Amino acid sequence: MSKGDAFINGAFEEYYKLKITGTNFSESLNIVKNQEYKFENLVDGYYKIEVTQRDFLESNDSQKAGCIVVQSIFISNKVIWDNKTISDIKCVNGDVPSDDGKVLYTNIRGGVPIVGEETKKYNYIICGGGASGLLLANNLVSDPFFLNKNILLIEKDSKKINDRTWCFWEKGKSDLDEIVSRTWNSAYFKAQKFEKKFFTEPYTYKMIRGIDFYKKLNFSESKHQNLTYLNAEINLINKTHNIVTTNKGIFSGDYIFSSIYDINILKNQTKYPLLKQHFLGQLVVTENKIFSPDIVTLMDFDLPQENSTRFMYVLPFSKTKALVEYTLFSSSLLEKEEYIKSIKNYLKNRI
C-alpha cells in the first residue's frame, strides 16, 4: 500500500489490519508494509477484502482505527492474472476523514477489480438461453424502448439439437404458432376410482419441439446491434454487485435475469420438505392402432404409487405413435431401467 496511514507495532513496523472473508473462509491479520502474503486452499468465488487504516487525525495514538476501505475480488483457478493491482478504492465509512484519495494495493494479489477495465458493462444480462431466456431476449429486442440498451445473452450449449419438447395451454393465437407442431382440444384424466374426458375450449394444448424453437429465436448470429450473444459457461452470479463471472470474462449489468437452476436454494431452506419432479419419456411406435390422436392424457394416476406421487402422461401423434412419459414426485430419483420398465408395463396393461 503506497498511501493511507499505517499502524505502528512494537518493532516500529508500519502495518494495516486486514480481514478477508469468502465462501467458508475468514481470516484476519496484520500486514506489514512491503511484505508479501499468501493465502492457500481458497475455493472459486468472491472475496471481500477490508483494510483498516490508522486514524491519521489522531497522530499521537498509533492504534486508533480510522478509515476502512473495502474491495471485492473474484478468485478462481480458471482466471489467469499477473501483476494486477487494485486501485481507486474509496473510503466506505464517510464519517471518518481520510487522506487515501486513491489507494494502490501492491501486495494483495489474486484477483481483479469487480468493475474495471476488464469488466464490460451491460444494461441487461440474461443468464441462460432456454425457453425463458430466449423469450425474454426476443421481447427486449422487439421493443423500441430497449433500442438504445445493451443486452447480453449468455448460454453454454449450442442449442442445435432437439433436446426437449414444450407443451402449454394457450387461448387464441400467438407469435409462436408457426412453430407449433401439434395441438389438442380434448384431454383425459384418470385416477384409481375416477376418470374423465373433457374438451379444453377456449384453450388449446400446444406442443413445440425444442429444435424449432431454437431456430426461430436464434441469437447466436444476431443481427440486433443492441444484443450480444455469448456462448460461455457461467461460474458465478454475484447478486450483491450485479456481476456475472464466466469462463470467457466478467460482466456487470444494471439488471440480471437468470433462469439457471440452483438446487442449493431449495436444499438450504428448511420450511418445506424437498421433493423432486423427475420423469423419463419414450417415443413409442406400435403395429396396432392403440392411441387416440385427438385426446392428450394429462395425468393417469391409476398405477402403483409406492409411497410417492406417480402418473403417466401421453401425447398421441397418431393412432400408432405417441410420446409416453413416466412422471414422479419423490425425494430421490430412480434408475433409468425403472422408468422404462414402468412405461412398458403401462402400455401392456392399460392400452
Protein backbone atom coordinates (compact mmCIF):
# COMPACT_ATOMS: atom_id res chain seq x y z
CA MET A 1 0.00 0.00 0.00
CA SER A 2 1.54 3.29 -1.05
CA LYS A 3 -0.95 5.66 0.59
CA GLY A 4 -3.08 5.72 3.75
CA ASP A 5 -1.91 5.89 7.36
CA ALA A 6 -0.42 2.78 8.93
CA PHE A 7 -0.42 1.49 12.48
CA ILE A 8 2.88 1.01 14.31
CA ASN A 9 3.74 -2.27 16.04
CA GLY A 10 6.20 -2.95 18.85
CA ALA A 11 9.05 -3.36 16.38
CA PHE A 12 8.18 0.06 14.92
CA GLU A 13 6.97 -1.54 11.69
CA GLU A 14 4.13 0.05 9.77
CA TYR A 15 1.17 -2.27 9.22
CA TYR A 16 -2.52 -2.36 8.26
CA LYS A 17 -5.30 -4.50 9.68
CA LEU A 18 -6.59 -6.88 7.03
CA LYS A 19 -9.69 -9.07 7.01
CA ILE A 20 -10.58 -11.41 4.13
CA THR A 21 -13.93 -13.23 4.05
CA GLY A 22 -15.42 -15.55 1.44
CA THR A 23 -17.03 -18.94 0.97
CA ASN A 24 -16.15 -20.95 4.12
CA PHE A 25 -13.18 -18.66 4.62
CA SER A 26 -12.44 -15.88 7.09
CA GLU A 27 -9.03 -14.63 8.17
CA SER A 28 -7.82 -11.52 9.94
CA LEU A 29 -4.21 -10.48 10.27
CA ASN A 30 -1.87 -7.53 10.36
CA ILE A 31 0.00 -6.95 7.11
CA VAL A 32 3.34 -5.17 7.31
CA LYS A 33 4.18 -2.71 4.56
CA ASN A 34 6.33 -4.01 1.71
CA GLN A 35 5.81 -7.65 2.64
CA GLU A 36 4.03 -10.29 0.57
CA TYR A 37 1.39 -12.67 1.94
CA LYS A 38 -0.03 -15.90 0.61
CA PHE A 39 -3.45 -17.48 1.21
CA GLU A 40 -3.95 -21.15 0.38
CA ASN A 41 -6.88 -23.55 -0.01
CA LEU A 42 -9.21 -20.90 -1.44
CA VAL A 43 -12.22 -22.02 -3.48
CA ASP A 44 -13.61 -20.24 -6.53
CA GLY A 45 -15.78 -17.28 -5.58
CA TYR A 46 -15.98 -13.68 -4.48
CA TYR A 47 -13.94 -12.49 -1.50
CA LYS A 48 -14.27 -9.27 0.44
CA ILE A 49 -11.08 -7.50 1.50
CA GLU A 50 -11.34 -4.99 4.33
CA VAL A 51 -8.28 -2.90 5.18
CA THR A 52 -8.40 -0.76 8.32
CA GLN A 53 -6.06 2.23 8.44
CA ARG A 54 -4.99 4.31 11.41
CA ASP A 55 -6.94 7.46 12.17
CA PHE A 56 -4.44 9.99 10.84
CA LEU A 57 -6.12 12.85 12.76
CA GLU A 58 -5.02 11.18 15.99
CA SER A 59 -1.30 11.24 15.27
CA ASN A 60 -0.45 10.61 18.91
CA ASP A 61 -2.46 7.43 19.06
CA SER A 62 -0.93 4.92 16.69
CA GLN A 63 -3.56 2.22 17.48
CA LYS A 64 -6.80 4.13 16.87
CA ALA A 65 -8.74 2.77 13.86
CA GLY A 66 -9.67 5.21 11.13
CA CYS A 67 -10.88 4.67 7.57
CA ILE A 68 -11.88 1.20 6.39
CA VAL A 69 -11.52 0.55 2.68
CA VAL A 70 -13.35 -2.37 1.10
CA GLN A 71 -12.88 -4.17 -2.21
CA SER A 72 -14.45 -7.36 -3.55
CA ILE A 73 -12.44 -9.60 -5.86
CA PHE A 74 -13.18 -12.82 -7.71
CA ILE A 75 -10.66 -15.62 -7.20
CA SER A 76 -10.66 -18.64 -9.47
CA ASN A 77 -8.20 -21.13 -10.89
CA LYS A 78 -9.97 -20.54 -14.21
CA VAL A 79 -8.95 -16.88 -14.27
CA ILE A 80 -5.35 -16.05 -15.14
CA TRP A 81 -3.76 -12.86 -13.90
CA ASP A 82 -0.31 -11.48 -13.26
CA ASN A 83 0.90 -8.28 -11.62
CA LYS A 84 -2.64 -6.95 -11.23
CA THR A 85 -3.29 -4.10 -8.82
CA ILE A 86 -6.49 -2.83 -7.29
CA SER A 87 -6.80 0.94 -7.43
CA ASP A 88 -9.23 3.76 -6.76
CA ILE A 89 -10.77 2.28 -3.64
CA LYS A 90 -12.97 4.73 -1.79
CA CYS A 91 -13.34 5.09 1.96
CA VAL A 92 -16.61 3.42 2.96
CA ASN A 93 -17.15 4.96 6.40
CA GLY A 94 -17.74 8.54 5.33
CA ASP A 95 -17.90 9.90 8.87
CA VAL A 96 -14.16 9.35 9.30
CA PRO A 97 -11.90 11.72 7.34
CA SER A 98 -9.32 10.06 5.17
CA ASP A 99 -6.43 11.14 3.03
CA ASP A 100 -6.42 7.95 0.99
CA GLY A 101 -7.84 9.57 -2.18
CA LYS A 102 -6.65 6.76 -4.39
CA VAL A 103 -5.27 3.74 -2.60
CA LEU A 104 -3.00 1.44 -4.58
CA TYR A 105 -2.63 -2.11 -3.29
CA THR A 106 0.50 -3.86 -4.49
CA ASN A 107 0.78 -6.73 -2.02
CA ILE A 108 -2.79 -8.07 -2.14
CA ARG A 109 -2.84 -10.21 -5.27
CA GLY A 110 -5.04 -12.89 -6.71
CA GLY A 111 -7.93 -11.10 -8.33
CA VAL A 112 -9.22 -8.28 -10.49
CA PRO A 113 -11.44 -5.34 -9.61
CA ILE A 114 -15.16 -6.10 -9.70
CA VAL A 115 -15.80 -3.23 -12.10
CA GLY A 116 -12.81 -2.01 -14.01
CA GLU A 117 -11.15 -2.02 -17.39
CA GLU A 118 -11.55 -5.81 -17.70
CA THR A 119 -15.26 -5.83 -16.84
CA LYS A 120 -17.69 -4.92 -19.61
CA LYS A 121 -20.95 -3.32 -18.52
CA TYR A 122 -24.42 -4.01 -19.94
CA ASN A 123 -27.85 -2.66 -19.15
CA TYR A 124 -29.35 -6.15 -19.11
CA ILE A 125 -27.71 -9.56 -18.71
CA ILE A 126 -29.74 -12.71 -19.40
CA CYS A 127 -28.20 -15.85 -17.91
CA GLY A 128 -29.43 -18.95 -19.71
CA GLY A 129 -30.68 -19.33 -23.27
CA GLY A 130 -33.53 -21.75 -22.72
CA ALA A 131 -37.23 -21.04 -23.13
CA SER A 132 -37.48 -18.16 -20.65
CA GLY A 133 -34.14 -16.59 -21.59
CA LEU A 134 -34.77 -16.65 -25.33
CA LEU A 135 -38.33 -15.35 -24.97
CA LEU A 136 -37.13 -12.52 -22.74
CA ALA A 137 -34.34 -11.61 -25.18
CA ASN A 138 -36.79 -11.68 -28.09
CA ASN A 139 -39.21 -9.36 -26.30
CA LEU A 140 -36.44 -6.93 -25.36
CA VAL A 141 -35.03 -6.58 -28.88
CA SER A 142 -38.56 -6.31 -30.32
CA ASP A 143 -39.50 -3.38 -28.09
CA PRO A 144 -38.35 0.09 -29.30
CA PHE A 145 -37.89 1.13 -25.66
CA PHE A 146 -34.78 -1.08 -25.44
CA LEU A 147 -33.26 0.00 -28.76
CA ASN A 148 -30.54 2.04 -27.03
CA LYS A 149 -29.93 -0.52 -24.28
CA ASN A 150 -27.08 -3.04 -24.32
CA ILE A 151 -28.21 -6.63 -23.78
CA LEU A 152 -26.00 -9.67 -23.11
CA LEU A 153 -27.37 -13.21 -23.51
CA ILE A 154 -25.17 -15.98 -22.08
CA GLU A 155 -25.77 -19.66 -22.91
CA LYS A 156 -23.32 -22.57 -22.54
CA ASP A 157 -24.94 -25.02 -25.02
CA SER A 158 -25.02 -24.74 -28.79
CA LYS A 159 -28.81 -25.33 -28.98
CA LYS A 160 -28.54 -27.23 -32.27
CA ILE A 161 -30.26 -30.46 -31.29
CA ASN A 162 -33.86 -31.38 -30.47
CA ASP A 163 -33.20 -31.86 -26.76
CA ARG A 164 -36.72 -31.28 -25.38
CA THR A 165 -40.39 -30.65 -26.07
CA TRP A 166 -42.56 -27.88 -24.62
CA CYS A 167 -46.33 -28.15 -24.18
CA PHE A 168 -48.53 -25.36 -22.89
CA TRP A 169 -52.08 -24.04 -22.71
CA GLU A 170 -53.00 -21.02 -24.79
CA LYS A 171 -56.16 -19.12 -25.56
CA GLY A 172 -56.25 -17.99 -29.17
CA LYS A 173 -53.22 -17.44 -31.41
CA SER A 174 -49.68 -16.22 -30.71
CA ASP A 175 -46.40 -15.38 -32.46
CA LEU A 176 -45.19 -18.93 -31.84
CA ASP A 177 -47.99 -20.65 -33.77
CA GLU A 178 -45.79 -21.03 -36.85
CA ILE A 179 -43.54 -23.49 -34.97
CA VAL A 180 -46.32 -25.36 -33.12
CA SER A 181 -46.06 -28.97 -34.32
CA ARG A 182 -49.19 -30.44 -32.70
CA THR A 183 -52.36 -29.27 -30.91
CA TRP A 184 -55.11 -30.93 -28.87
CA ASN A 185 -58.57 -29.71 -27.85
CA SER A 186 -59.56 -32.74 -25.75
CA ALA A 187 -57.93 -34.19 -22.63
CA TYR A 188 -58.19 -37.23 -20.38
CA PHE A 189 -57.66 -37.59 -16.62
CA LYS A 190 -57.69 -40.86 -14.69
CA ALA A 191 -57.30 -41.98 -11.09
CA GLN A 192 -57.99 -45.31 -9.38
CA LYS A 193 -61.74 -44.67 -8.96
CA PHE A 194 -62.28 -41.75 -11.29
CA GLU A 195 -61.82 -40.85 -14.93
CA LYS A 196 -62.95 -38.02 -17.17
CA LYS A 197 -62.64 -36.95 -20.79
CA PHE A 198 -63.29 -33.29 -21.50
CA PHE A 199 -62.93 -30.51 -24.07
CA THR A 200 -60.38 -27.79 -23.29
CA GLU A 201 -62.10 -24.87 -25.05
CA PRO A 202 -61.48 -21.96 -25.07
CA TYR A 203 -57.90 -23.17 -24.51
CA THR A 204 -55.76 -25.24 -26.84
CA TYR A 205 -52.97 -27.52 -25.69
CA LYS A 206 -49.97 -26.83 -27.97
CA MET A 207 -46.62 -28.54 -28.49
CA ILE A 208 -43.34 -27.04 -29.73
CA ARG A 209 -40.21 -29.04 -30.49
CA GLY A 210 -37.03 -27.66 -28.96
CA ILE A 211 -35.09 -27.52 -32.24
CA ASP A 212 -37.83 -25.47 -33.94
CA PHE A 213 -37.87 -23.04 -31.02
CA TYR A 214 -34.07 -22.60 -31.12
CA LYS A 215 -34.10 -21.95 -34.86
CA LYS A 216 -36.80 -19.30 -34.59
CA LEU A 217 -35.12 -17.50 -31.69
CA ASN A 218 -31.53 -17.90 -32.82
CA PHE A 219 -29.42 -15.06 -31.41
CA SER A 220 -26.03 -16.73 -31.92
CA GLU A 221 -25.80 -14.86 -35.24
CA SER A 222 -27.87 -11.92 -34.04
CA LYS A 223 -28.49 -9.00 -36.38
CA HIS A 224 -29.64 -6.89 -33.46
CA GLN A 225 -26.97 -4.32 -32.72
CA ASN A 226 -28.06 -3.95 -29.11
CA LEU A 227 -27.79 -7.67 -28.29
CA THR A 228 -24.60 -9.66 -27.75
CA TYR A 229 -24.75 -13.47 -27.66
CA LEU A 230 -22.02 -15.20 -25.65
CA ASN A 231 -21.53 -18.96 -25.76
CA ALA A 232 -19.95 -19.43 -22.33
CA GLU A 233 -20.29 -21.25 -19.04
CA ILE A 234 -21.42 -19.18 -16.06
CA ASN A 235 -19.30 -19.75 -12.96
CA LEU A 236 -20.92 -17.33 -10.55
CA ILE A 237 -23.65 -14.68 -10.31
CA ASN A 238 -22.98 -12.05 -7.66
CA LYS A 239 -26.38 -10.60 -6.80
CA THR A 240 -24.93 -8.00 -4.44
CA HIS A 241 -22.77 -6.30 -7.05
CA ASN A 242 -24.69 -7.44 -10.19
CA ILE A 243 -21.65 -9.26 -11.56
CA VAL A 244 -21.65 -12.36 -13.78
CA THR A 245 -18.42 -14.34 -13.99
CA THR A 246 -17.95 -16.75 -16.91
CA ASN A 247 -15.13 -18.79 -18.36
CA LYS A 248 -14.83 -16.08 -21.03
CA GLY A 249 -14.84 -12.97 -18.89
CA ILE A 250 -16.51 -10.94 -16.16
CA PHE A 251 -19.55 -8.77 -16.89
CA SER A 252 -21.60 -6.29 -14.89
CA GLY A 253 -25.21 -5.30 -15.52
CA ASP A 254 -27.81 -2.89 -14.31
CA TYR A 255 -30.28 -5.78 -14.28
CA ILE A 256 -29.56 -9.51 -14.29
CA PHE A 257 -32.12 -12.18 -15.19
CA SER A 258 -31.25 -15.81 -14.51
CA SER A 259 -33.15 -18.99 -15.33
CA ILE A 260 -30.28 -21.19 -14.17
CA TYR A 261 -31.50 -23.80 -11.72
CA ASP A 262 -29.79 -23.61 -8.33
CA ILE A 263 -30.60 -26.67 -6.20
CA ASN A 264 -28.83 -25.11 -3.21
CA ILE A 265 -31.63 -22.56 -2.82
CA LEU A 266 -34.05 -25.42 -2.16
CA LYS A 267 -31.63 -27.50 -0.11
CA ASN A 268 -30.80 -24.61 2.21
CA GLN A 269 -34.42 -23.82 3.07
CA THR A 270 -35.95 -25.68 6.00
CA LYS A 271 -39.57 -24.54 5.88
CA TYR A 272 -40.81 -27.11 3.35
CA PRO A 273 -39.89 -30.73 2.54
CA LEU A 274 -37.91 -31.13 -0.66
CA LEU A 275 -39.48 -33.27 -3.38
CA LYS A 276 -38.04 -33.73 -6.85
CA GLN A 277 -40.14 -33.82 -10.01
CA HIS A 278 -38.46 -36.24 -12.38
CA PHE A 279 -39.57 -38.08 -15.48
CA LEU A 280 -38.47 -40.07 -18.48
CA GLY A 281 -40.27 -40.12 -21.82
CA GLN A 282 -40.11 -42.53 -24.74
CA LEU A 283 -41.36 -42.15 -28.28
CA VAL A 284 -43.45 -45.25 -28.88
CA VAL A 285 -44.44 -46.67 -32.28
CA THR A 286 -46.86 -49.61 -32.36
CA GLU A 287 -48.08 -52.02 -35.01
CA ASN A 288 -51.69 -51.82 -33.87
CA LYS A 289 -53.75 -48.63 -33.68
CA ILE A 290 -53.94 -48.20 -29.89
CA PHE A 291 -53.75 -44.40 -29.38
CA SER A 292 -56.47 -41.75 -29.69
CA PRO A 293 -54.67 -38.97 -31.60
CA ASP A 294 -57.16 -36.23 -30.65
CA ILE A 295 -57.02 -36.73 -26.86
CA VAL A 296 -53.98 -35.95 -24.68
CA THR A 297 -53.67 -37.94 -21.45
CA LEU A 298 -52.64 -35.25 -18.99
CA MET A 299 -52.42 -37.46 -15.93
CA ASP A 300 -53.15 -41.13 -15.39
CA PHE A 301 -52.65 -41.87 -11.69
CA ASP A 302 -54.09 -45.39 -11.92
CA LEU A 303 -50.78 -47.16 -11.35
CA PRO A 304 -48.71 -48.22 -8.29
CA GLN A 305 -47.79 -45.09 -6.27
CA GLU A 306 -45.26 -46.80 -3.94
CA ASN A 307 -45.36 -44.10 -1.22
CA SER A 308 -44.90 -41.29 -3.74
CA THR A 309 -46.89 -39.45 -6.43
CA ARG A 310 -46.68 -41.01 -9.90
CA PHE A 311 -48.58 -40.65 -13.16
CA MET A 312 -48.34 -41.31 -16.90
CA TYR A 313 -48.52 -38.54 -19.48
CA VAL A 314 -49.32 -39.41 -23.12
CA LEU A 315 -49.02 -37.13 -26.15
CA PRO A 316 -50.51 -39.01 -29.14
CA PHE A 317 -49.30 -38.01 -32.61
CA SER A 318 -51.26 -40.66 -34.49
CA LYS A 319 -53.08 -43.92 -33.80
CA THR A 320 -49.73 -45.75 -33.75
CA LYS A 321 -47.29 -43.15 -32.43
CA ALA A 322 -47.09 -41.30 -29.10
CA LEU A 323 -44.75 -39.78 -26.54
CA VAL A 324 -45.25 -41.55 -23.20
CA GLU A 325 -43.71 -40.03 -20.07
CA TYR A 326 -43.47 -41.52 -16.59
CA THR A 327 -43.53 -38.67 -14.04
CA LEU A 328 -42.84 -38.81 -10.31
CA PHE A 329 -42.73 -36.51 -7.28
CA SER A 330 -40.40 -38.07 -4.72
CA SER A 331 -37.31 -37.37 -2.62
CA SER A 332 -34.98 -39.47 -4.79
CA LEU A 333 -34.54 -40.44 -8.43
CA LEU A 334 -34.96 -43.89 -9.96
CA GLU A 335 -32.59 -45.94 -12.03
CA LYS A 336 -33.21 -45.41 -15.75
CA GLU A 337 -34.32 -49.03 -16.17
CA GLU A 338 -37.14 -48.50 -13.64
CA TYR A 339 -38.68 -45.67 -15.67
CA ILE A 340 -38.55 -47.75 -18.86
CA LYS A 341 -40.00 -50.82 -17.15
CA SER A 342 -42.93 -48.80 -15.78
CA ILE A 343 -43.69 -47.39 -19.25
CA LYS A 344 -43.66 -50.89 -20.75
CA ASN A 345 -45.98 -52.22 -18.04
CA TYR A 346 -48.34 -49.29 -18.55
CA LEU A 347 -48.58 -49.86 -22.29
CA LYS A 348 -49.04 -53.58 -21.81
CA ASN A 349 -51.72 -53.38 -19.12
CA ARG A 350 -53.59 -50.16 -19.83
CA ILE A 351 -53.76 -49.54 -23.55
